[in-house]
């Protein structure tokens, strides 16, 4: 299983939270991380 750095995790949390709240599918595509992984 691939592990992501704390910087990547913080970026994803920031992008998924208000006020930005970006589309999860778009974040997944841009970062190359599966959608299910982002929801975990």
PDB file of N, CA and C in Angstrom:
ATOM      1  N   UNK A   1       0.843  -1.177   0.000  1.00  0.00           N
ATOM      2  CA  UNK A   1       0.000   0.000   0.000  1.00  0.00           C
ATOM      3  C   UNK A   1       0.887   1.238   0.000  1.00  0.00           C
ATOM      4  N   UNK A   2       0.517   2.204  -0.833  1.00  0.00           N
ATOM      5  CA  UNK A   2       1.298   3.430  -0.950  1.00  0.00           C
ATOM      6  C   UNK A   2       0.989   4.359   0.222  1.00  0.00           C
ATOM      7  N   UNK A   3       2.018   4.993   0.742  1.00  0.00           N
ATOM      8  CA  UNK A   3       1.837   5.960   1.827  1.00  0.00           C
ATOM      9  C   UNK A   3       2.108   7.361   1.285  1.00  0.00           C
ATOM     10  N   UNK A   4       1.316   8.292   1.754  1.00  0.00           N
ATOM     11  CA  UNK A   4       1.429   9.679   1.292  1.00  0.00           C
ATOM     12  C   UNK A   4       1.977  10.547   2.410  1.00  0.00           C
ATOM     13  N   UNK A   5       2.775  11.533   2.014  1.00  0.00           N
ATOM     14  CA  UNK A   5       3.395  12.415   2.999  1.00  0.00           C
ATOM     15  C   UNK A   5       2.329  13.267   3.683  1.00  0.00           C
ATOM     16  N   UNK A   6       2.692  13.803   4.806  1.00  0.00           N
ATOM     17  CA  UNK A   6       1.772  14.668   5.551  1.00  0.00           C
ATOM     18  C   UNK A   6       1.427  15.904   4.726  1.00  0.00           C
ATOM     19  N   UNK A   7       2.347  16.369   3.899  1.00  0.00           N
ATOM     20  CA  UNK A   7       2.076  17.534   3.049  1.00  0.00           C
ATOM     21  C   UNK A   7       0.976  17.226   2.030  1.00  0.00           C
ATOM     22  N   UNK A   8       1.021  16.053   1.441  1.00  0.00           N
ATOM     23  CA  UNK A   8      -0.013  15.651   0.476  1.00  0.00           C
ATOM     24  C   UNK A   8      -1.345  15.506   1.191  1.00  0.00           C
ATOM     25  N   UNK A   9      -1.335  14.880   2.353  1.00  0.00           N
ATOM     26  CA  UNK A   9      -2.568  14.698   3.127  1.00  0.00           C
ATOM     27  C   UNK A   9      -3.185  16.045   3.491  1.00  0.00           C
ATOM     28  N   UNK A  10      -2.354  16.991   3.915  1.00  0.00           N
ATOM     29  CA  UNK A  10      -2.848  18.323   4.292  1.00  0.00           C
ATOM     30  C   UNK A  10      -3.438  19.036   3.078  1.00  0.00           C
ATOM     31  N   UNK A  11      -2.794  18.894   1.930  1.00  0.00           N
ATOM     32  CA  UNK A  11      -3.290  19.516   0.700  1.00  0.00           C
ATOM     33  C   UNK A  11      -4.655  18.949   0.330  1.00  0.00           C
ATOM     34  N   UNK A  12      -4.805  17.640   0.407  1.00  0.00           N
ATOM     35  CA  UNK A  12      -6.082  17.005   0.075  1.00  0.00           C
ATOM     36  C   UNK A  12      -7.172  17.451   1.045  1.00  0.00           C
ATOM     37  N   UNK A  13      -6.866  17.465   2.346  1.00  0.00           N
ATOM     38  CA  UNK A  13      -7.856  17.924   3.334  1.00  0.00           C
ATOM     39  C   UNK A  13      -8.289  19.361   3.059  1.00  0.00           C
ATOM     40  N   UNK A  14      -7.317  20.213   2.736  1.00  0.00           N
ATOM     41  CA  UNK A  14      -7.610  21.619   2.448  1.00  0.00           C
ATOM     42  C   UNK A  14      -8.518  21.738   1.223  1.00  0.00           C
ATOM     43  N   UNK A  15      -8.236  20.951   0.191  1.00  0.00           N
ATOM     44  CA  UNK A  15      -9.013  21.030  -1.041  1.00  0.00           C
ATOM     45  C   UNK A  15     -10.416  20.439  -0.899  1.00  0.00           C
ATOM     46  N   UNK A  16     -10.592  19.499   0.036  1.00  0.00           N
ATOM     47  CA  UNK A  16     -11.899  18.860   0.222  1.00  0.00           C
ATOM     48  C   UNK A  16     -12.780  19.613   1.216  1.00  0.00           C
ATOM     49  N   UNK A  17     -12.213  20.558   1.943  1.00  0.00           N
ATOM     50  CA  UNK A  17     -12.944  21.276   2.989  1.00  0.00           C
ATOM     51  C   UNK A  17     -13.409  22.643   2.500  1.00  0.00           C
ATOM     52  N   UNK A  18     -14.456  23.165   3.131  1.00  0.00           N
ATOM     53  CA  UNK A  18     -14.903  24.523   2.788  1.00  0.00           C
ATOM     54  C   UNK A  18     -13.805  25.524   3.114  1.00  0.00           C
ATOM     55  N   UNK A  19     -13.671  26.608   2.466  1.00  0.00           N
ATOM     56  CA  UNK A  19     -14.533  27.130   1.407  1.00  0.00           C
ATOM     57  C   UNK A  19     -14.201  26.604   0.022  1.00  0.00           C
ATOM     58  N   UNK A  20     -13.066  25.908  -0.153  1.00  0.00           N
ATOM     59  CA  UNK A  20     -12.704  25.430  -1.494  1.00  0.00           C
ATOM     60  C   UNK A  20     -13.609  24.311  -1.980  1.00  0.00           C
ATOM     61  N   UNK A  21     -13.779  23.291  -1.173  1.00  0.00           N
ATOM     62  CA  UNK A  21     -14.585  22.114  -1.455  1.00  0.00           C
ATOM     63  C   UNK A  21     -14.599  21.727  -2.933  1.00  0.00           C
ATOM     64  N   UNK A  22     -13.458  21.257  -3.414  1.00  0.00           N
ATOM     65  CA  UNK A  22     -13.329  20.831  -4.804  1.00  0.00           C
ATOM     66  C   UNK A  22     -13.928  19.442  -5.003  1.00  0.00           C
ATOM     67  N   UNK A  23     -14.244  19.137  -6.227  1.00  0.00           N
ATOM     68  CA  UNK A  23     -14.794  17.850  -6.608  1.00  0.00           C
ATOM     69  C   UNK A  23     -13.770  16.755  -6.337  1.00  0.00           C
ATOM     70  N   UNK A  24     -14.164  15.709  -5.609  1.00  0.00           N
ATOM     71  CA  UNK A  24     -13.242  14.634  -5.225  1.00  0.00           C
ATOM     72  C   UNK A  24     -12.712  13.911  -6.460  1.00  0.00           C
ATOM     73  N   UNK A  25     -13.548  13.713  -7.455  1.00  0.00           N
ATOM     74  CA  UNK A  25     -13.097  13.046  -8.684  1.00  0.00           C
ATOM     75  C   UNK A  25     -12.002  13.861  -9.367  1.00  0.00           C
ATOM     76  N   UNK A  26     -12.130  15.159  -9.319  1.00  0.00           N
ATOM     77  CA  UNK A  26     -11.127  16.025  -9.945  1.00  0.00           C
ATOM     78  C   UNK A  26      -9.799  15.968  -9.185  1.00  0.00           C
ATOM     79  N   UNK A  27      -9.876  16.014  -7.846  1.00  0.00           N
ATOM     80  CA  UNK A  27      -8.669  15.906  -7.022  1.00  0.00           C
ATOM     81  C   UNK A  27      -7.982  14.569  -7.306  1.00  0.00           C
ATOM     82  N   UNK A  28      -8.770  13.511  -7.368  1.00  0.00           N
ATOM     83  CA  UNK A  28      -8.250  12.178  -7.636  1.00  0.00           C
ATOM     84  C   UNK A  28      -7.498  12.138  -8.959  1.00  0.00           C
ATOM     85  N   UNK A  29      -8.100  12.710  -9.976  1.00  0.00           N
ATOM     86  CA  UNK A  29      -7.484  12.729 -11.304  1.00  0.00           C
ATOM     87  C   UNK A  29      -6.189  13.531 -11.305  1.00  0.00           C
ATOM     88  N   UNK A  30      -6.206  14.692 -10.673  1.00  0.00           N
ATOM     89  CA  UNK A  30      -5.032  15.563 -10.656  1.00  0.00           C
ATOM     90  C   UNK A  30      -3.859  14.950  -9.899  1.00  0.00           C
ATOM     91  N   UNK A  31      -4.150  14.280  -8.776  1.00  0.00           N
ATOM     92  CA  UNK A  31      -3.084  13.747  -7.934  1.00  0.00           C
ATOM     93  C   UNK A  31      -2.751  12.283  -8.213  1.00  0.00           C
ATOM     94  N   UNK A  32      -3.617  11.610  -8.969  1.00  0.00           N
ATOM     95  CA  UNK A  32      -3.384  10.202  -9.262  1.00  0.00           C
ATOM     96  C   UNK A  32      -3.642   9.306  -8.059  1.00  0.00           C
ATOM     97  N   UNK A  33      -4.565   9.718  -7.206  1.00  0.00           N
ATOM     98  CA  UNK A  33      -4.930   8.943  -6.011  1.00  0.00           C
ATOM     99  C   UNK A  33      -6.365   8.472  -6.197  1.00  0.00           C
ATOM    100  N   UNK A  34      -6.621   7.185  -5.980  1.00  0.00           N
ATOM    101  CA  UNK A  34      -7.958   6.630  -6.172  1.00  0.00           C
ATOM    102  C   UNK A  34      -8.965   7.345  -5.289  1.00  0.00           C
ATOM    103  N   UNK A  35     -10.181   7.496  -5.805  1.00  0.00           N
ATOM    104  CA  UNK A  35     -11.251   8.206  -5.100  1.00  0.00           C
ATOM    105  C   UNK A  35     -11.517   7.576  -3.715  1.00  0.00           C
ATOM    106  N   UNK A  36     -11.556   6.258  -3.652  1.00  0.00           N
ATOM    107  CA  UNK A  36     -11.822   5.579  -2.372  1.00  0.00           C
ATOM    108  C   UNK A  36     -10.748   5.902  -1.346  1.00  0.00           C
ATOM    109  N   UNK A  37      -9.507   6.044  -1.791  1.00  0.00           N
ATOM    110  CA  UNK A  37      -8.410   6.396  -0.887  1.00  0.00           C
ATOM    111  C   UNK A  37      -8.622   7.802  -0.337  1.00  0.00           C
ATOM    112  N   UNK A  38      -9.085   8.715  -1.161  1.00  0.00           N
ATOM    113  CA  UNK A  38      -9.322  10.079  -0.706  1.00  0.00           C
ATOM    114  C   UNK A  38     -10.413  10.145   0.349  1.00  0.00           C
ATOM    115  N   UNK A  39     -11.431   9.315   0.215  1.00  0.00           N
ATOM    116  CA  UNK A  39     -12.510   9.316   1.197  1.00  0.00           C
ATOM    117  C   UNK A  39     -12.076   8.731   2.532  1.00  0.00           C
ATOM    118  N   UNK A  40     -11.075   7.836   2.512  1.00  0.00           N
ATOM    119  CA  UNK A  40     -10.581   7.259   3.767  1.00  0.00           C
ATOM    120  C   UNK A  40      -9.832   8.308   4.525  1.00  0.00           C
TER     121      UNK A  40
END
